[in-house]
Protein backbone atom coordinates (compact mmCIF):
# COMPACT_ATOMS: atom_id res chain seq x y z
CA MET A 1 17.99 -9.14 -11.62
CA GLU A 2 16.14 -7.47 -8.75
CA ASP A 3 12.87 -9.24 -9.79
CA SER A 4 15.14 -12.66 -9.90
CA ALA A 5 16.59 -12.08 -6.41
CA LYS A 6 13.33 -10.92 -4.86
CA GLU A 7 11.79 -14.57 -6.67
CA ARG A 8 14.41 -16.85 -5.49
CA ILE A 9 13.53 -14.81 -1.70
CA LEU A 10 9.69 -15.83 -2.29
CA ALA A 11 10.48 -19.70 -3.55
CA ALA A 12 12.90 -20.01 -0.64
CA ALA A 13 10.69 -18.83 1.63
CA GLU A 14 7.88 -21.25 0.12
CA GLU A 15 10.14 -23.99 0.64
CA LEU A 16 11.32 -23.47 4.15
CA PHE A 17 8.05 -22.14 5.65
CA ALA A 18 6.18 -25.43 3.96
CA ASP A 19 9.10 -27.62 5.29
CA GLY A 20 10.17 -26.49 9.26
CA GLY A 21 7.17 -24.06 9.87
CA PHE A 22 7.31 -20.36 9.56
CA ASP A 23 7.94 -19.44 13.09
CA ALA A 24 11.23 -21.91 12.81
CA THR A 25 12.55 -20.41 9.72
CA PRO A 26 14.58 -17.70 10.60
CA THR A 27 15.26 -14.83 7.46
CA SER A 28 18.92 -15.58 7.52
CA ARG A 29 18.25 -19.22 6.26
CA ILE A 30 15.79 -17.68 3.55
CA ALA A 31 18.62 -15.35 2.02
CA GLU A 32 21.04 -18.14 2.46
CA ARG A 33 18.58 -20.77 0.41
CA ALA A 34 18.27 -17.73 -1.90
CA GLY A 35 21.58 -17.46 -2.19
CA VAL A 36 21.40 -13.43 -1.40
CA PRO A 37 22.44 -10.83 1.67
CA LYS A 38 20.14 -11.03 4.39
CA GLY A 39 19.99 -7.34 3.72
CA LEU A 40 18.40 -7.75 0.30
CA VAL A 41 15.48 -10.10 2.19
CA HIS A 42 14.83 -7.18 4.25
CA TYR A 43 14.83 -4.95 1.73
CA TYR A 44 11.92 -6.98 -0.55
CA PHE A 45 10.20 -7.71 3.15
CA ASN A 46 10.84 -5.64 5.97
CA ARG A 47 9.30 -8.40 8.03
CA LYS A 48 9.24 -12.43 7.99
CA GLN A 49 5.81 -11.39 8.24
CA ASP A 50 5.81 -9.77 5.03
CA LEU A 51 6.83 -12.87 2.87
CA LEU A 52 3.81 -14.80 4.45
CA ALA A 53 1.76 -12.08 3.38
CA ALA A 54 3.35 -11.93 -0.21
CA LEU A 55 3.23 -16.12 -0.18
CA VAL A 56 -0.38 -15.86 0.37
CA ALA A 57 -0.92 -13.50 -2.42
CA ARG A 58 0.34 -16.08 -4.57
CA LEU A 59 -2.13 -19.00 -4.16
CA PRO A 60 -3.53 -19.20 -7.81
CA ASP A 61 -7.17 -17.81 -8.48
CA SER A 62 -9.15 -20.67 -7.85
CA THR A 63 -12.21 -19.42 -9.59
CA VAL A 64 -13.39 -21.43 -12.30
CA ASP A 65 -16.40 -20.35 -15.28
CA HIS A 66 -18.94 -22.36 -14.51
CA ARG A 67 -20.57 -22.74 -17.70
CA ARG A 68 -17.25 -24.78 -18.57
CA VAL A 69 -18.45 -27.34 -16.31
CA VAL A 70 -22.16 -27.63 -16.21
CA VAL A 71 -23.76 -30.24 -17.59
CA ALA A 72 -27.65 -29.37 -17.85
CA GLY A 73 -28.92 -32.04 -15.68
CA ASP A 74 -26.33 -34.41 -14.30
CA ILE A 75 -25.40 -32.90 -11.11
CA ALA A 76 -22.66 -34.86 -10.26
CA GLU A 77 -20.88 -35.03 -13.21
CA SER A 78 -21.01 -31.22 -13.42
CA LEU A 79 -19.53 -31.42 -9.77
CA ARG A 80 -17.00 -33.96 -10.32
CA ARG A 81 -15.62 -31.68 -13.44
CA LEU A 82 -15.18 -28.33 -10.97
CA VAL A 83 -13.50 -30.07 -8.56
CA ALA A 84 -10.88 -31.73 -11.16
CA ALA A 85 -10.79 -27.83 -12.15
CA LEU A 86 -10.39 -26.84 -8.74
CA ASP A 87 -7.55 -29.79 -8.24
CA ALA A 88 -5.74 -28.67 -11.49
CA ARG A 89 -5.30 -25.04 -10.57
CA LEU A 90 -4.09 -25.76 -6.69
CA ASN A 91 -2.42 -28.86 -7.89
CA ALA A 92 -0.44 -26.02 -9.39
CA SER A 93 1.63 -24.96 -6.46
CA PRO A 94 1.25 -27.78 -3.56
CA LEU A 95 3.85 -26.89 -1.62
CA LEU A 96 2.37 -23.13 -1.19
CA SER A 97 -0.67 -24.84 -0.29
CA HIS A 98 0.25 -26.69 2.48
CA LEU A 99 2.81 -24.33 3.55
CA LEU A 100 -0.94 -21.91 3.96
CA TRP A 101 -3.12 -25.13 5.30
CA ARG A 102 0.00 -25.09 8.07
CA GLU A 103 0.14 -22.00 9.02
CA ALA A 104 -3.85 -21.28 8.88
CA ASP A 105 -4.48 -21.57 13.05
CA THR A 106 -1.45 -19.33 13.78
CA HIS A 107 -1.65 -16.75 11.28
CA SER A 108 -4.70 -14.26 10.77
CA ALA A 109 -3.92 -13.36 7.19
CA VAL A 110 -3.01 -16.72 6.20
CA ARG A 111 -6.41 -17.83 8.19
CA ASP A 112 -8.03 -15.29 6.24
CA ALA A 113 -7.04 -15.71 2.88
CA VAL A 114 -7.62 -19.86 3.52
CA ARG A 115 -11.58 -18.95 4.78
CA ALA A 116 -11.89 -16.49 2.13
CA ARG A 117 -10.88 -19.54 -0.67
CA TYR A 118 -12.87 -21.84 1.03
CA ASP A 119 -16.26 -18.90 0.51
CA ASN A 120 -15.40 -19.16 -3.11
CA VAL A 121 -14.98 -23.04 -3.34
CA ALA A 122 -18.63 -23.14 -1.40
CA ALA A 123 -19.67 -20.48 -3.85
CA GLN A 124 -19.12 -22.00 -6.91
CA ILE A 125 -20.53 -25.19 -5.92
CA LYS A 126 -23.91 -23.89 -4.92
CA GLN A 127 -23.87 -22.01 -8.45
CA VAL A 128 -22.58 -24.96 -10.28
CA ILE A 129 -25.49 -26.98 -8.29
CA LEU A 130 -28.19 -24.46 -9.68
CA ALA A 131 -27.02 -24.66 -13.11
CA ALA A 132 -26.60 -28.01 -13.57
CA GLY A 133 -30.01 -28.80 -11.45
CA GLY A 134 -32.81 -26.44 -12.34
CA ALA A 135 -35.90 -26.27 -11.24
CA ALA A 136 -35.39 -29.83 -9.81
CA VAL A 137 -33.20 -28.93 -6.79
CA ALA A 138 -34.37 -28.14 -3.79
CA ILE A 139 -33.47 -24.54 -3.06
CA LYS A 140 -33.22 -25.11 0.76
CA ASP A 141 -30.90 -28.29 0.44
CA VAL A 142 -28.24 -26.68 -1.78
CA GLU A 143 -26.67 -23.85 1.38
CA ALA A 144 -25.81 -27.56 2.62
CA ALA A 145 -24.95 -29.49 -0.11
CA ALA A 146 -22.45 -26.55 -0.97
CA ALA A 147 -20.79 -25.85 2.87
CA LEU A 148 -20.68 -29.60 2.33
CA LEU A 149 -18.61 -30.59 -1.12
CA ALA A 150 -16.51 -26.98 0.08
CA LEU A 151 -15.06 -28.73 3.27
CA ALA A 152 -14.74 -31.85 1.45
CA VAL A 153 -13.01 -30.22 -1.01
CA SER A 154 -10.82 -27.64 1.24
CA TYR A 155 -10.01 -31.12 3.65
CA ARG A 156 -8.68 -33.12 -0.04
CA HIS A 157 -6.82 -30.01 -0.72
CA SER A 158 -4.77 -29.20 2.91
CA VAL A 159 -4.04 -32.87 3.21
CA ALA A 160 -2.42 -32.50 -0.90
CA ARG A 161 -4.16 -36.30 -1.29
CA HIS A 162 -4.75 -35.42 -5.47
CA SER A 163 -4.67 -39.79 -6.61
CA ASP A 164 -5.76 -41.24 -9.53
CA GLU A 165 -6.97 -44.23 -7.18
CA ASP A 166 -10.60 -45.40 -5.80
CA ASP A 167 -10.90 -41.12 -4.72
CA PRO A 168 -13.73 -40.98 -1.79
CA ILE A 169 -14.57 -37.24 -3.70
CA ASP A 170 -16.54 -39.35 -6.63
CA ARG A 171 -18.42 -40.71 -3.44
CA GLU A 172 -19.27 -38.24 -1.91
CA LEU A 173 -20.30 -36.18 -5.08
CA ALA A 174 -22.40 -38.95 -6.06
CA PHE A 175 -24.10 -38.64 -2.52
CA VAL A 176 -25.02 -35.26 -3.26
CA ALA A 177 -26.36 -35.27 -6.38
CA SER A 178 -28.75 -38.13 -5.11
CA ALA A 179 -29.23 -36.30 -1.85
CA LEU A 180 -30.65 -33.40 -4.22
CA GLY A 181 -33.22 -35.73 -6.10
CA GLN A 182 -30.54 -37.10 -9.03
CA PRO A 183 -28.91 -40.25 -8.61
CA GLN A 184 -25.86 -40.89 -11.20
CA ALA A 185 -23.75 -43.72 -11.64
CA ARG A 186 -20.49 -42.93 -11.30
CA PRO A 187 -18.45 -42.72 -14.46
CA ALA A 188 -16.26 -45.79 -15.49
CA ARG A 189 -11.93 -45.00 -15.66
């Protein structure tokens, strides 16, 4: 029973923080939404900040095995596959993703977690570009391309704009692949 109460508290906090913000959400409201006494919130989480830290820890792992997405010789398709895998992981918790991006400017633990995710995404993009492009890729350009695409992916996730319609990320992926010396046509949908 205790684990389910803790989970209800975390779920309520995630929802309320995402809706109204961390600072504007009292622990009494979290307890009410979770259906638990306020004292139980403080039993599991000494401070409201501890609730936020626990939510940061719940972010889904954003590491993708690059061997599952790389198409040798096709940087654009490899990057499309990587972005799709990253999207699937973050779509598993869009409310949590929204909450963390919302609170990144005011809470250092959240800002650090968001920065670590950005660094992880940039490193994965770099790894995929190098694996897909092989010796044909100019190493000096890979860092800039990885940083650019990591910013684009991070932006998409921060505003939760995951749509199957004409996604501008496809144009960016094709642009980067072309700039790295591998022009690729966008696949038909």
